[in-house]
C-alpha atoms as a PDB file:
ATOM      1  CA  MET A   1      67.537 142.258  60.835  1.00  0.00           C
ATOM      2  CA  THR A   2      68.138 138.742  61.926  1.00  0.00           C
ATOM      3  CA  ARG A   3      65.285 136.207  61.331  1.00  0.00           C
ATOM      4  CA  ARG A   4      64.576 133.899  64.258  1.00  0.00           C
ATOM      5  CA  ARG A   5      64.633 130.375  63.104  1.00  0.00           C
ATOM      6  CA  SER A   6      61.796 128.081  64.041  1.00  0.00           C
ATOM      7  CA  ILE A   7      62.287 124.802  65.807  1.00  0.00           C
ATOM      8  CA  ASP A   8      60.988 121.749  63.932  1.00  0.00           C
ATOM      9  CA  PHE A   9      59.333 120.078  66.855  1.00  0.00           C
ATOM     10  CA  ALA A  10      57.931 117.216  64.641  1.00  0.00           C
ATOM     11  CA  ARG A  11      61.399 116.343  63.435  1.00  0.00           C
ATOM     12  CA  VAL A  12      62.893 116.414  66.860  1.00  0.00           C
ATOM     13  CA  ALA A  13      60.012 114.479  68.405  1.00  0.00           C
ATOM     14  CA  GLY A  14      60.290 111.970  65.691  1.00  0.00           C
ATOM     15  CA  ALA A  15      64.019 111.420  66.129  1.00  0.00           C
ATOM     16  CA  ALA A  16      63.409 111.036  69.811  1.00  0.00           C
ATOM     17  CA  ALA A  17      60.583 108.495  69.318  1.00  0.00           C
ATOM     18  CA  ALA A  18      62.851 106.426  67.074  1.00  0.00           C
ATOM     19  CA  ASN A  19      65.448 106.248  69.940  1.00  0.00           C
ATOM     20  CA  SER A  20      62.952 106.027  72.845  1.00  0.00           C
ATOM     21  CA  ASN A  21      64.325 102.946  74.481  1.00  0.00           C
ATOM     22  CA  ALA A  22      67.782 104.554  74.995  1.00  0.00           C
ATOM     23  CA  ILE A  23      66.268 107.872  76.034  1.00  0.00           C
ATOM     24  CA  LEU A  24      63.868 106.456  78.506  1.00  0.00           C
ATOM     25  CA  SER A  25      66.388 104.042  80.136  1.00  0.00           C
ATOM     26  CA  ARG A  26      68.705 107.218  80.507  1.00  0.00           C
ATOM     27  CA  TRP A  27      66.035 109.598  81.767  1.00  0.00           C
ATOM     28  CA  LEU A  28      64.020 107.073  83.856  1.00  0.00           C
ATOM     29  CA  PRO A  29      66.574 104.424  84.735  1.00  0.00           C
ATOM     30  CA  ASN A  30      64.516 102.625  87.388  1.00  0.00           C
ATOM     31  CA  GLY A  31      61.718 101.799  84.847  1.00  0.00           C
ATOM     32  CA  ARG A  32      60.986  98.703  83.004  1.00  0.00           C
ATOM     33  CA  ARG A  33      59.516  97.923  79.610  1.00  0.00           C
ATOM     34  CA  GLU A  34      56.139  96.206  79.474  1.00  0.00           C
ATOM     35  CA  ALA A  35      54.856  95.596  75.939  1.00  0.00           C
ATOM     36  CA  HIS A  36      54.860  99.004  74.360  1.00  0.00           C
ATOM     37  CA  GLU A  37      55.181 101.033  77.580  1.00  0.00           C
ATOM     38  CA  TRP A  38      57.898 102.189  79.859  1.00  0.00           C
ATOM     39  CA  ILE A  39      56.578 102.000  83.454  1.00  0.00           C
ATOM     40  CA  THR A  40      58.439 103.801  86.255  1.00  0.00           C
ATOM     41  CA  ARG A  41      57.995 105.927  89.262  1.00  0.00           C
ATOM     42  CA  ASN A  42      57.481 109.641  88.684  1.00  0.00           C
ATOM     43  CA  PRO A  43      60.742 111.291  89.777  1.00  0.00           C
ATOM     44  CA  ARG A  44      59.073 114.660  90.332  1.00  0.00           C
ATOM     45  CA  ARG A  45      56.945 113.424  93.260  1.00  0.00           C
ATOM     46  CA  ALA A  46      57.018 110.958  96.093  1.00  0.00           C
ATOM     47  CA  ASP A  47      55.951 108.002  94.044  1.00  0.00           C
ATOM     48  CA  HIS A  48      56.337 104.827  96.002  1.00  0.00           C
ATOM     49  CA  ARG A  49      55.660 102.236  93.302  1.00  0.00           C
ATOM     50  CA  PRO A  50      55.877 102.102  89.571  1.00  0.00           C
ATOM     51  CA  GLY A  51      52.649 101.863  87.708  1.00  0.00           C
ATOM     52  CA  SER A  52      50.838 105.112  87.361  1.00  0.00           C
ATOM     53  CA  PHE A  53      53.655 106.817  85.471  1.00  0.00           C
ATOM     54  CA  LYS A  54      53.747 105.412  81.887  1.00  0.00           C
ATOM     55  CA  VAL A  55      55.487 106.417  78.463  1.00  0.00           C
ATOM     56  CA  ASN A  56      54.322 104.929  75.213  1.00  0.00           C
ATOM     57  CA  ILE A  57      57.656 103.720  73.710  1.00  0.00           C
ATOM     58  CA  THR A  58      56.402 104.063  70.160  1.00  0.00           C
ATOM     59  CA  THR A  59      54.782 107.534  70.263  1.00  0.00           C
ATOM     60  CA  GLY A  60      56.387 109.184  73.253  1.00  0.00           C
ATOM     61  CA  ARG A  61      52.963 109.887  74.791  1.00  0.00           C
ATOM     62  CA  TRP A  62      53.188 109.946  78.503  1.00  0.00           C
ATOM     63  CA  ALA A  63      51.041 110.358  81.545  1.00  0.00           C
ATOM     64  CA  ASP A  64      51.030 110.256  85.393  1.00  0.00           C
ATOM     65  CA  PHE A  65      47.591 108.801  85.961  1.00  0.00           C
ATOM     66  CA  ALA A  66      47.826 109.665  89.639  1.00  0.00           C
ATOM     67  CA  THR A  67      48.249 113.417  89.065  1.00  0.00           C
ATOM     68  CA  GLY A  68      46.857 113.938  85.507  1.00  0.00           C
ATOM     69  CA  ASP A  69      50.031 115.293  84.186  1.00  0.00           C
ATOM     70  CA  SER A  70      50.597 114.201  80.581  1.00  0.00           C
ATOM     71  CA  GLY A  71      52.199 115.035  77.284  1.00  0.00           C
ATOM     72  CA  GLY A  72      52.189 114.054  73.683  1.00  0.00           C
ATOM     73  CA  ASP A  73      55.910 113.422  72.930  1.00  0.00           C
ATOM     74  CA  LEU A  74      59.407 112.951  74.439  1.00  0.00           C
ATOM     75  CA  ILE A  75      59.973 116.701  74.084  1.00  0.00           C
ATOM     76  CA  SER A  76      57.142 117.348  76.516  1.00  0.00           C
ATOM     77  CA  LEU A  77      58.469 114.640  78.843  1.00  0.00           C
ATOM     78  CA  ALA A  78      61.889 116.342  78.901  1.00  0.00           C
ATOM     79  CA  ALA A  79      60.173 119.683  79.632  1.00  0.00           C
ATOM     80  CA  TYR A  80      58.305 118.054  82.423  1.00  0.00           C
ATOM     81  CA  LEU A  81      61.217 115.953  83.945  1.00  0.00           C
ATOM     82  CA  PHE A  82      63.770 118.729  83.752  1.00  0.00           C
ATOM     83  CA  ASN A  83      61.555 121.753  84.348  1.00  0.00           C
ATOM     84  CA  LEU A  84      62.204 123.384  80.948  1.00  0.00           C
ATOM     85  CA  ARG A  85      60.095 125.235  78.421  1.00  0.00           C
ATOM     86  CA  GLN A  86      59.045 123.370  75.322  1.00  0.00           C
ATOM     87  CA  ASN A  87      61.541 125.132  73.153  1.00  0.00           C
ATOM     88  CA  GLU A  88      64.396 124.618  75.550  1.00  0.00           C
ATOM     89  CA  ALA A  89      63.441 120.951  75.883  1.00  0.00           C
ATOM     90  CA  ALA A  90      63.294 120.538  72.033  1.00  0.00           C
ATOM     91  CA  LEU A  91      66.833 122.148  71.719  1.00  0.00           C
ATOM     92  CA  LYS A  92      68.192 119.796  74.428  1.00  0.00           C
ATOM     93  CA  VAL A  93      66.651 116.760  72.895  1.00  0.00           C
ATOM     94  CA  ALA A  94      67.945 117.637  69.389  1.00  0.00           C
ATOM     95  CA  GLU A  95      71.395 118.186  70.802  1.00  0.00           C
ATOM     96  CA  MET A  96      71.184 114.773  72.469  1.00  0.00           C
ATOM     97  CA  MET A  97      70.104 113.158  69.236  1.00  0.00           C
ATOM     98  CA  GLY A  98      72.687 114.985  67.282  1.00  0.00           C
ATOM     99  CA  ILE A  99      70.224 116.607  64.768  1.00  0.00           C
ATOM    100  CA  ASP A 100      69.633 120.220  63.597  1.00  0.00           C
ATOM    101  CA  PRO A 101      66.484 121.350  65.493  1.00  0.00           C
ATOM    102  CA  TYR A 102      65.508 124.099  63.103  1.00  0.00           C
ATOM    103  CA  GLU A 103      63.236 124.197  60.110  1.00  0.00           C
ATOM    104  CA  ARG A 104      64.872 124.511  56.733  1.00  0.00           C
END
């Protein structure tokens, strides 16, 4: 019987947060940094001006204050932006960061 390995979400989210500037400029290239936030348009809706969609660069917390969509880290942002399940997003982020996503 093969044991299914668990994804270490905290480690993947931490690695992503440590590289948030590069990740956010790649995923949301039309945004800009203001203090500790990345401010951009929400690419998942007809957002006309930046301002309501923000990502905390330090923590990865994000929200679209116009729709109420939000998440606690860059894994959930990846899931939201690319229409993935959380585990799929964690695996993609880990691959992008070049880290092993599984608990040891």
